Protein backbone atom coordinates (compact mmCIF):
# COMPACT_ATOMS: atom_id res chain seq x y z
CA MET A 1 81.93 86.77 107.14
CA PRO A 2 81.30 83.10 106.26
CA LEU A 3 84.28 80.84 106.93
CA PHE A 4 84.25 79.77 103.29
CA ASN A 5 85.05 83.29 102.18
CA SER A 6 88.07 83.43 104.44
CA PHE A 7 89.47 80.18 103.09
CA ASN A 8 91.89 80.78 100.25
CA TRP A 9 91.61 77.87 97.81
CA SER A 10 94.44 79.29 95.64
CA LYS A 11 96.89 79.28 98.57
CA ALA A 12 95.73 75.81 99.56
CA LEU A 13 96.31 74.48 96.08
CA ASN A 14 99.65 76.27 95.87
CA PHE A 15 100.63 74.80 99.21
CA LEU A 16 99.73 71.31 97.93
CA ALA A 17 101.64 71.96 94.66
CA SER A 18 104.68 73.16 96.55
CA GLY A 19 104.44 70.17 98.82
CA PHE A 20 104.37 67.91 95.84
CA SER A 21 107.40 69.74 94.28
CA THR A 22 109.24 69.21 97.60
CA MET A 23 108.40 65.54 97.49
CA LYS A 24 109.87 65.22 93.98
CA PHE A 25 113.06 66.94 95.25
CA LEU A 26 113.34 64.58 98.13
CA VAL A 27 112.96 61.58 95.89
CA ILE A 28 115.61 62.90 93.51
CA GLU A 29 118.03 63.35 96.44
CA LEU A 30 117.82 59.66 97.19
CA PRO A 31 120.09 58.09 94.57
CA ASN A 32 119.74 54.54 95.92
CA ARG A 33 115.99 54.54 95.29
CA ASN A 34 114.75 53.01 92.07
CA LYS A 35 112.05 54.45 89.89
CA SER A 36 109.35 52.14 91.09
CA HIS A 37 110.02 53.07 94.60
CA GLN A 38 109.94 56.80 93.74
CA ASN A 39 106.56 56.32 92.10
CA ASN A 40 105.31 54.57 95.23
CA CYS A 41 106.58 57.45 97.34
CA ILE A 42 104.79 59.92 95.13
CA LYS A 43 101.55 57.93 95.39
CA VAL A 44 101.83 57.71 99.10
CA PHE A 45 102.40 61.44 99.28
CA LEU A 46 99.45 62.18 97.05
CA LEU A 47 97.25 60.16 99.23
CA THR A 48 98.47 62.14 102.21
CA LEU A 49 97.79 65.40 100.40
CA SER A 50 94.25 64.19 99.50
CA LEU A 51 93.55 63.53 103.16
CA ILE A 52 94.92 66.97 104.05
CA LEU A 53 92.68 68.57 101.43
CA VAL A 54 89.69 66.60 102.56
CA SER A 55 90.37 67.85 106.11
CA LEU A 56 90.39 71.41 104.76
CA ILE A 57 87.10 71.06 102.92
CA PRO A 58 84.98 70.75 106.04
CA LEU A 59 86.74 73.76 107.57
CA GLY A 60 86.43 75.96 104.54
CA LEU A 61 83.41 74.69 102.61
CA LEU A 62 81.27 72.36 104.59
CA LYS A 63 80.39 74.27 107.74
CA SER A 64 77.45 72.92 109.70
CA SER A 65 74.13 74.75 109.94
CA PRO A 66 71.52 74.93 112.70
CA SER A 67 68.95 72.18 112.20
CA PRO A 68 66.06 70.67 114.16
CA LEU A 69 67.84 67.37 113.62
CA PRO A 70 71.16 66.60 115.37
CA SER A 71 73.72 67.43 112.58
CA PRO A 72 76.78 65.25 112.55
CA LYS A 73 80.06 66.89 113.48
CA ILE A 74 82.02 68.10 110.53
CA SER A 75 85.35 66.30 110.79
CA ILE A 76 88.04 64.71 108.75
CA SER A 77 86.48 61.27 109.16
CA SER A 78 82.99 62.38 108.19
CA LEU A 79 84.16 63.94 104.93
CA ARG A 80 86.59 61.16 104.23
CA SER A 81 83.66 58.77 104.40
CA ILE A 82 82.20 60.24 101.20
CA GLU A 83 85.55 59.85 99.46
CA LEU A 84 86.15 56.32 100.73
CA GLU A 85 82.61 54.98 100.13
CA LYS A 86 83.17 54.40 96.47
CA LYS A 87 82.22 50.79 96.93
CA CYS A 88 79.04 51.69 98.86
CA ASP A 89 75.84 52.15 96.92
CA VAL A 90 73.83 54.61 99.01
CA PHE A 91 70.67 53.62 97.21
CA ILE A 92 70.73 50.07 98.58
CA GLY A 93 69.26 50.03 102.06
CA GLN A 94 66.01 50.42 103.97
CA TRP A 95 63.74 52.93 105.60
CA VAL A 96 64.36 52.99 109.34
CA PRO A 97 62.52 54.88 112.13
CA HIS A 98 63.80 58.38 112.80
CA LEU A 99 61.98 59.66 115.85
CA GLN A 100 63.60 63.11 115.72
CA GLY A 101 61.17 63.91 112.92
CA PRO A 102 61.46 66.17 109.85
CA TYR A 103 63.79 69.04 109.13
CA TYR A 104 60.88 71.54 108.95
CA THR A 105 57.13 71.75 109.36
CA ASN A 106 54.33 73.51 107.53
CA GLU A 107 54.67 76.08 110.33
CA THR A 108 58.42 76.69 110.01
CA CYS A 109 58.40 76.81 106.19
CA ARG A 110 56.04 79.30 104.66
CA LEU A 111 56.90 78.25 101.08
CA ILE A 112 54.87 75.00 101.03
CA ILE A 113 52.07 75.18 98.48
CA ASP A 114 48.78 73.57 99.24
CA GLN A 115 49.31 70.80 96.71
CA HIS A 116 51.90 69.38 99.13
CA ASN A 117 50.77 70.85 102.42
CA CYS A 118 49.29 67.70 103.99
CA MET A 119 49.38 68.77 107.57
CA LYS A 120 47.74 72.16 106.94
CA LEU A 121 44.94 70.41 105.09
CA GLY A 122 44.19 67.98 107.91
CA ARG A 123 46.23 64.80 107.55
CA PRO A 124 45.86 63.24 111.03
CA ASP A 125 48.91 60.91 111.11
CA THR A 126 52.51 62.07 111.47
CA GLU A 127 54.49 58.71 111.43
CA PHE A 128 55.18 59.12 107.68
CA MET A 129 57.54 62.02 108.54
CA LYS A 130 59.57 59.89 110.99
CA TRP A 131 61.57 57.66 108.72
CA ARG A 132 65.06 58.09 107.14
CA TRP A 133 66.73 56.15 104.38
CA LYS A 134 69.59 54.02 105.77
CA PRO A 135 72.01 52.58 103.27
CA ASP A 136 73.23 49.09 104.14
CA ASP A 137 76.99 49.67 104.09
CA CYS A 138 77.41 53.35 104.89
CA GLU A 139 75.72 56.51 106.06
CA LEU A 140 73.64 59.05 104.16
CA PRO A 141 74.58 62.38 105.83
CA LEU A 142 71.78 64.59 107.09
CA PHE A 143 71.00 67.60 104.85
CA ASP A 144 72.96 70.65 105.89
CA ALA A 145 71.52 73.86 104.47
CA ALA A 146 74.63 75.93 105.12
CA GLN A 147 76.83 73.40 103.39
CA PHE A 148 74.52 73.38 100.41
CA LEU A 149 74.41 77.14 100.16
CA GLU A 150 78.19 77.48 100.36
CA ILE A 151 78.68 74.91 97.56
CA VAL A 152 76.21 76.80 95.33
CA ARG A 153 77.50 80.27 96.15
CA GLY A 154 77.66 82.26 92.93
CA LYS A 155 76.05 79.44 90.97
CA SER A 156 72.61 78.37 89.59
CA MET A 157 70.48 75.23 89.72
CA ALA A 158 67.50 74.25 87.55
CA PHE A 159 64.83 71.53 87.88
CA VAL A 160 63.57 70.56 84.45
CA GLY A 161 60.48 68.37 84.12
CA ASP A 162 56.97 68.00 85.48
CA SER A 163 55.23 68.85 88.74
CA VAL A 164 57.06 66.06 90.66
CA GLY A 165 60.33 67.79 89.71
CA ARG A 166 58.84 71.07 91.07
CA ASN A 167 57.83 69.06 94.15
CA GLN A 168 61.57 68.38 94.77
CA MET A 169 62.40 72.02 94.27
CA GLN A 170 59.74 72.98 96.85
CA SER A 171 61.34 70.48 99.26
CA LEU A 172 64.69 72.11 98.66
CA LEU A 173 63.31 75.58 99.40
CA CYS A 174 62.06 74.39 102.73
CA LEU A 175 65.28 72.65 103.59
CA LEU A 176 67.23 75.82 102.81
CA ALA A 177 64.75 78.02 104.67
CA TYR A 178 66.37 77.17 107.98
CA VAL A 179 69.33 79.32 106.84
CA ALA A 180 67.95 81.70 104.20
CA TYR A 181 64.71 82.69 102.43
CA PRO A 182 64.97 83.57 98.72
CA GLU A 183 63.32 86.33 96.70
CA ASP A 184 60.75 85.16 94.18
CA ILE A 185 61.97 86.77 90.86
CA SER A 186 59.83 84.61 88.59
CA HIS A 187 57.93 87.57 87.17
CA LYS A 188 61.18 88.90 85.70
CA PHE A 189 61.57 85.92 83.49
CA SER A 190 58.07 84.56 82.71
CA SER A 191 54.47 85.53 82.64
CA ASP A 192 53.48 82.06 83.78
CA ILE A 193 54.87 82.23 87.28
CA ASN A 194 53.00 79.07 88.47
CA TYR A 195 54.92 76.79 86.19
CA PHE A 196 58.20 78.67 85.63
CA LYS A 197 59.80 79.69 88.92
CA ARG A 198 62.98 81.49 89.77
CA TRP A 199 64.18 82.14 93.30
CA PHE A 200 67.26 84.25 94.21
CA TYR A 201 69.33 83.94 97.33
CA ALA A 202 70.95 87.32 97.51
CA ASP A 203 73.43 86.57 100.29
CA TYR A 204 74.81 83.64 98.25
CA ASN A 205 74.26 84.96 94.73
CA PHE A 206 72.47 81.66 93.99
CA THR A 207 69.60 81.21 91.64
CA LEU A 208 67.16 78.28 91.84
CA ALA A 209 64.81 77.70 88.96
CA ALA A 210 62.08 75.35 87.78
CA PHE A 211 61.27 74.85 84.12
CA TRP A 212 57.93 73.25 83.40
CA SER A 213 58.44 70.63 80.62
CA PRO A 214 56.54 67.40 81.36
CA PHE A 215 57.68 65.67 78.22
CA LEU A 216 61.12 67.34 77.89
CA VAL A 217 60.47 67.65 74.15
CA LYS A 218 58.19 69.89 72.21
CA SER A 219 54.46 69.05 72.57
CA LYS A 220 51.06 70.44 71.76
CA ASP A 221 47.44 69.47 72.25
CA ALA A 222 46.02 67.23 69.66
CA ASP A 223 42.64 66.33 71.12
CA PRO A 224 39.57 67.79 69.28
CA ASP A 225 37.81 68.05 72.62
CA GLY A 226 40.56 70.24 74.11
CA HIS A 227 43.08 69.75 76.87
CA SER A 228 42.21 67.56 79.86
CA PHE A 229 43.99 65.28 82.34
CA ASN A 230 43.99 62.45 79.78
CA SER A 231 43.69 64.19 76.42
CA LEU A 232 45.63 63.28 73.26
CA MET A 233 48.89 65.14 72.74
CA SER A 234 51.53 65.34 70.04
CA LEU A 235 55.17 64.94 70.88
CA TYR A 236 58.08 65.97 68.67
CA LEU A 237 60.59 63.45 69.86
CA ASP A 238 63.67 64.88 68.28
CA GLU A 239 63.09 68.53 69.26
CA ALA A 240 63.83 69.62 72.80
CA ASP A 241 61.29 71.81 74.45
CA ASP A 242 62.48 75.43 73.97
CA SER A 243 61.06 76.41 77.32
CA TRP A 244 64.07 74.93 79.02
CA ALA A 245 66.54 74.28 76.12
CA ASN A 246 66.91 77.98 75.37
CA GLU A 247 67.53 78.85 79.02
CA ILE A 248 69.62 76.07 80.44
CA GLU A 249 73.09 76.68 78.97
CA ASN A 250 74.47 78.76 81.82
CA PHE A 251 73.14 76.73 84.73
CA ASP A 252 75.66 74.94 86.93
CA TYR A 253 73.39 72.15 88.08
CA VAL A 254 70.46 70.64 86.19
CA ILE A 255 68.09 68.08 87.71
CA ILE A 256 66.08 66.52 84.98
CA SER A 257 63.07 64.20 85.34
CA ALA A 258 59.79 63.10 83.67
CA GLY A 259 57.20 60.37 84.14
CA GLN A 260 53.51 60.38 84.64
CA TRP A 261 52.56 62.45 81.54
CA PHE A 262 53.74 59.59 79.28
CA PHE A 263 50.72 57.52 80.34
CA ARG A 264 48.34 59.57 78.31
CA PRO A 265 47.42 59.07 74.57
CA LEU A 266 50.24 60.44 72.39
CA PHE A 267 51.15 60.98 68.77
CA PHE A 268 54.82 60.70 68.09
CA TYR A 269 56.61 62.80 65.53
CA GLU A 270 60.18 62.72 64.24
CA LYS A 271 61.70 64.98 61.63
CA GLY A 272 58.26 66.58 61.40
CA GLN A 273 56.58 63.34 60.35
CA LEU A 274 54.09 61.21 62.32
CA VAL A 275 55.90 57.91 63.09
CA GLY A 276 53.35 56.31 65.39
CA CYS A 277 51.21 56.71 68.43
CA HIS A 278 50.41 55.34 71.90
CA LYS A 279 46.68 54.71 72.82
CA CYS A 280 45.46 56.87 69.96
CA ASN A 281 43.28 54.19 68.28
CA GLY A 282 44.11 55.71 64.89
CA ASN A 283 43.69 53.76 61.66
CA ASN A 284 46.82 53.22 59.61
CA ILE A 285 49.04 54.63 62.34
CA THR A 286 51.88 52.54 63.72
CA GLY A 287 51.32 51.61 67.27
CA LEU A 288 54.29 52.38 69.57
CA THR A 289 54.68 51.85 73.25
CA ARG A 290 54.89 54.75 75.77
CA TYR A 291 58.44 53.46 76.52
CA TYR A 292 59.47 54.39 72.95
CA GLY A 293 58.33 57.98 73.49
CA TYR A 294 59.99 57.99 76.92
CA LYS A 295 63.25 56.75 75.56
CA MET A 296 63.34 59.24 72.65
CA ALA A 297 62.40 62.14 74.94
CA PHE A 298 65.31 61.47 77.28
CA ARG A 299 67.64 60.86 74.39
CA THR A 300 66.82 64.14 72.90
CA ALA A 301 67.10 65.98 76.29
CA PHE A 302 70.56 64.53 76.94
CA LYS A 303 71.78 65.19 73.38
CA THR A 304 70.66 68.81 73.86
CA LEU A 305 72.72 69.22 77.00
CA LEU A 306 75.71 67.54 75.32
CA SER A 307 75.48 69.83 72.31
CA LEU A 308 75.15 73.13 74.12
CA ARG A 309 78.47 74.93 73.47
CA ASN A 310 78.69 76.85 76.74
CA TYR A 311 77.01 74.20 79.06
CA LYS A 312 79.54 73.15 81.70
CA GLY A 313 77.01 72.03 84.30
CA THR A 314 76.47 68.86 86.19
CA THR A 315 73.34 66.94 85.08
CA PHE A 316 71.39 64.80 87.50
CA LEU A 317 68.69 62.37 86.34
CA ARG A 318 66.19 61.98 89.15
CA ALA A 319 64.81 58.49 88.42
CA PHE A 320 61.20 57.74 87.67
CA SER A 321 58.75 58.36 90.59
CA ALA A 322 55.96 55.74 90.64
CA SER A 323 52.42 56.50 91.83
CA HIS A 324 50.69 54.45 94.54
CA PHE A 325 47.05 54.32 93.58
CA GLU A 326 45.17 51.45 95.15
CA ASN A 327 41.43 50.41 94.83
CA GLY A 328 41.24 51.97 91.44
CA ASP A 329 43.11 54.23 88.98
CA TRP A 330 43.64 57.94 89.51
CA ASP A 331 40.41 58.75 87.58
CA LYS A 332 38.40 55.92 89.19
CA GLU A 333 38.48 56.88 92.88
CA GLY A 334 41.90 55.25 93.55
CA ASN A 335 43.57 56.32 96.72
CA CYS A 336 46.75 55.82 98.86
CA GLY A 337 45.85 55.81 102.51
CA ARG A 338 48.71 53.77 103.95
CA THR A 339 50.55 55.22 106.94
CA ARG A 340 53.79 53.15 107.01
CA PRO A 341 56.51 52.30 104.53
CA PHE A 342 56.71 48.88 102.86
CA GLY A 343 59.65 46.69 103.89
CA SER A 344 62.23 45.98 101.18
CA LEU A 345 60.92 42.36 100.91
CA GLU A 346 57.31 43.36 100.73
CA MET A 347 57.29 45.25 97.42
CA LYS A 348 59.51 44.78 94.42
CA LEU A 349 59.67 47.18 91.38
CA GLU A 350 58.15 45.49 88.38
CA ASP A 351 55.99 45.86 85.28
CA TYR A 352 55.70 49.33 83.77
CA ASN A 353 57.43 51.06 86.74
CA LEU A 354 60.55 48.95 86.17
CA GLU A 355 60.38 49.45 82.39
CA PHE A 356 60.17 53.24 82.76
CA TYR A 357 63.13 53.19 85.11
CA LEU A 358 65.28 50.92 82.91
CA THR A 359 64.44 52.95 79.77
CA GLN A 360 65.66 56.30 81.20
CA VAL A 361 68.70 54.80 82.88
CA GLU A 362 69.82 53.24 79.60
CA GLU A 363 69.71 56.67 77.93
CA LEU A 364 71.54 58.27 80.91
CA ARG A 365 74.41 55.78 80.65
CA LYS A 366 74.85 56.65 76.96
CA ALA A 367 74.93 60.34 77.82
CA GLU A 368 77.30 59.69 80.66
CA LYS A 369 79.70 58.01 78.30
CA GLN A 370 79.55 60.78 75.79
CA GLY A 371 79.78 63.46 78.57
CA LYS A 372 83.16 62.01 79.79
CA LYS A 373 84.65 62.72 76.40
CA ILE A 374 83.95 66.48 76.72
CA GLY A 375 84.21 66.92 80.42
CA LEU A 376 80.49 66.84 81.35
CA THR A 377 79.12 64.90 84.31
CA PHE A 378 75.87 62.94 84.24
CA GLN A 379 74.77 61.41 87.52
CA LEU A 380 71.85 59.26 88.57
CA LEU A 381 69.71 60.01 91.64
CA ASN A 382 68.50 56.44 91.87
CA THR A 383 65.31 57.04 93.78
CA THR A 384 62.75 54.81 91.99
CA GLU A 385 62.87 51.61 94.11
CA ILE A 386 63.42 53.67 97.34
CA MET A 387 60.24 55.68 96.77
CA TRP A 388 58.29 52.58 95.70
CA LEU A 389 58.50 51.59 99.33
CA ARG A 390 56.80 54.85 100.49
CA PRO A 391 53.09 54.62 99.60
CA ASP A 392 52.48 56.59 102.85
CA GLY A 393 54.23 59.72 101.63
CA HIS A 394 51.60 61.08 99.24
CA PRO A 395 48.94 63.75 99.95
CA ASN A 396 46.10 61.37 99.06
CA ASN A 397 43.04 63.54 99.85
CA TYR A 398 45.04 66.03 102.02
CA GLY A 399 46.24 68.31 99.22
CA HIS A 400 44.63 70.74 96.81
CA SER A 401 45.08 70.39 93.08
CA MET A 402 47.37 73.13 91.77
CA ASN A 403 45.41 76.20 90.61
CA LYS A 404 42.17 74.53 91.72
CA ASN A 405 40.91 75.00 95.22
CA LYS A 406 39.58 71.50 95.57
CA THR A 407 40.76 68.27 97.10
CA VAL A 408 41.84 65.34 94.92
CA ASN A 409 43.28 61.92 95.70
CA ASP A 410 46.88 62.65 94.85
CA CYS A 411 49.08 59.58 94.90
CA VAL A 412 51.69 61.02 92.55
CA HIS A 413 53.10 64.01 94.42
CA TRP A 414 54.60 63.97 97.89
CA CYS A 415 53.78 65.64 101.17
CA LEU A 416 56.06 68.34 102.55
CA PRO A 417 57.74 67.46 104.81
CA GLY A 418 58.03 63.88 103.80
CA PRO A 419 60.10 61.19 102.09
CA ILE A 420 60.83 63.49 99.13
CA ASP A 421 63.20 65.38 101.33
CA THR A 422 65.55 62.40 100.98
CA TRP A 423 65.98 63.22 97.32
CA ASN A 424 67.78 66.42 98.35
CA GLU A 425 69.92 64.51 100.83
CA PHE A 426 71.09 62.44 97.86
CA LEU A 427 71.51 65.57 95.82
CA LEU A 428 73.85 67.21 98.41
CA TYR A 429 75.72 63.97 98.95
CA PHE A 430 76.68 63.67 95.33
CA MET A 431 77.49 67.38 94.94
CA LYS A 432 79.99 67.03 97.76
CA LYS A 433 81.33 63.85 96.26
CA GLU A 434 81.78 65.59 92.94
CA ILE A 435 83.87 68.38 94.62
CA LEU A 436 86.16 65.74 96.20
CA LEU A 437 86.60 63.84 92.92
CA ARG A 438 87.46 67.04 91.08
CA LEU A 439 90.05 68.05 93.67
CA GLU A 440 91.49 64.54 93.55
CA ALA A 441 91.78 64.84 89.74
CA LYS A 442 93.53 68.17 90.08
CA LEU A 443 96.08 66.63 92.41
CA MET A 444 96.73 63.81 90.05
CA ASN A 445 97.09 66.16 87.06
CA ASN A 446 99.70 68.10 89.02
CA ALA A 447 101.67 64.96 89.68
């Protein structure tokens, strides 16, 4: 039986509550103490209780799992570090050599699809797998699959967005495969099992899903020549895409993202009326930037989550993921053949990549503010600038296009294993941090 199951959270909280009541009693029994001193005593005691509870979490919740990487010891200090690092931005740092290598390989994880399976398809270099993100002022813990699965026991998680979002889900599948393999139950929910995936971890009663929605809002083809990689499409900016909006209400964690599809020609509709377009070359149609469509799509997605009556989940925005085409665009023989990361001073985020990033973060902050009023959490996985330093992490010509058994120069998606695994290190870090913050809030509410 997992240690988590044997840990009685109710008894622990009752113990803490009784301890707090005892503390009140002791304060009352000291008639010479003034009220201010009593309050200070209570605060000190609450801090002590918090540290006790933090020490219980690694024992009951955050057990370590086997890993090809040396996993840090689960201890009071290691868990307290998450709680005490409120002043540390884990997204500010640099990529450093990590000679131990990746968590998994294409041989130890059988769930890697050919689109991301760079080693299977002949990539000759391996150095791109031997780097880790190192924050400047703290540590980013290694991914621990058993910890993750205990946190999500009895819960569900959904990735909503385009194929880069699905890329992150595939990374997570491989990271978890060291502990458990899921059952693919996609066929029970969709006829399109390539784009709408569901996996079930029976031992943990955990469901992992991917909802294909590259624009987050309703869309349809508008090109008279039919659909292609760069064909004209219509977006209904104030209507969330039903493919995810009708399914998401009961999920506990939602990771939402979008990006590269907004570069194509687009018609923009609001309230059923055409309001403008991007790169459509239409006469008498208002020209609007792609950033306008991007902003409105995220605004609608966040409003939808905020408006769902039964949605109690935590929403993560995984920030814009830039491409790294050099020597030409994606459709003009561009490629990405670098084999090392950039240093933080070599490349700075700018131009359209920066604009996309700022646009979505602005909408997230608005949603975050509204969410606080109704008890919903919105969190940023601030990966844009970090991944801008990793031109070496893409398949380039060592991947097959999805559903097409042919090689393309792919500088959008990420090799597995590779730097995208870091996204799930961040994900787990903030999931654990949220648990600690909620427990801390419960303690304060009981004060």
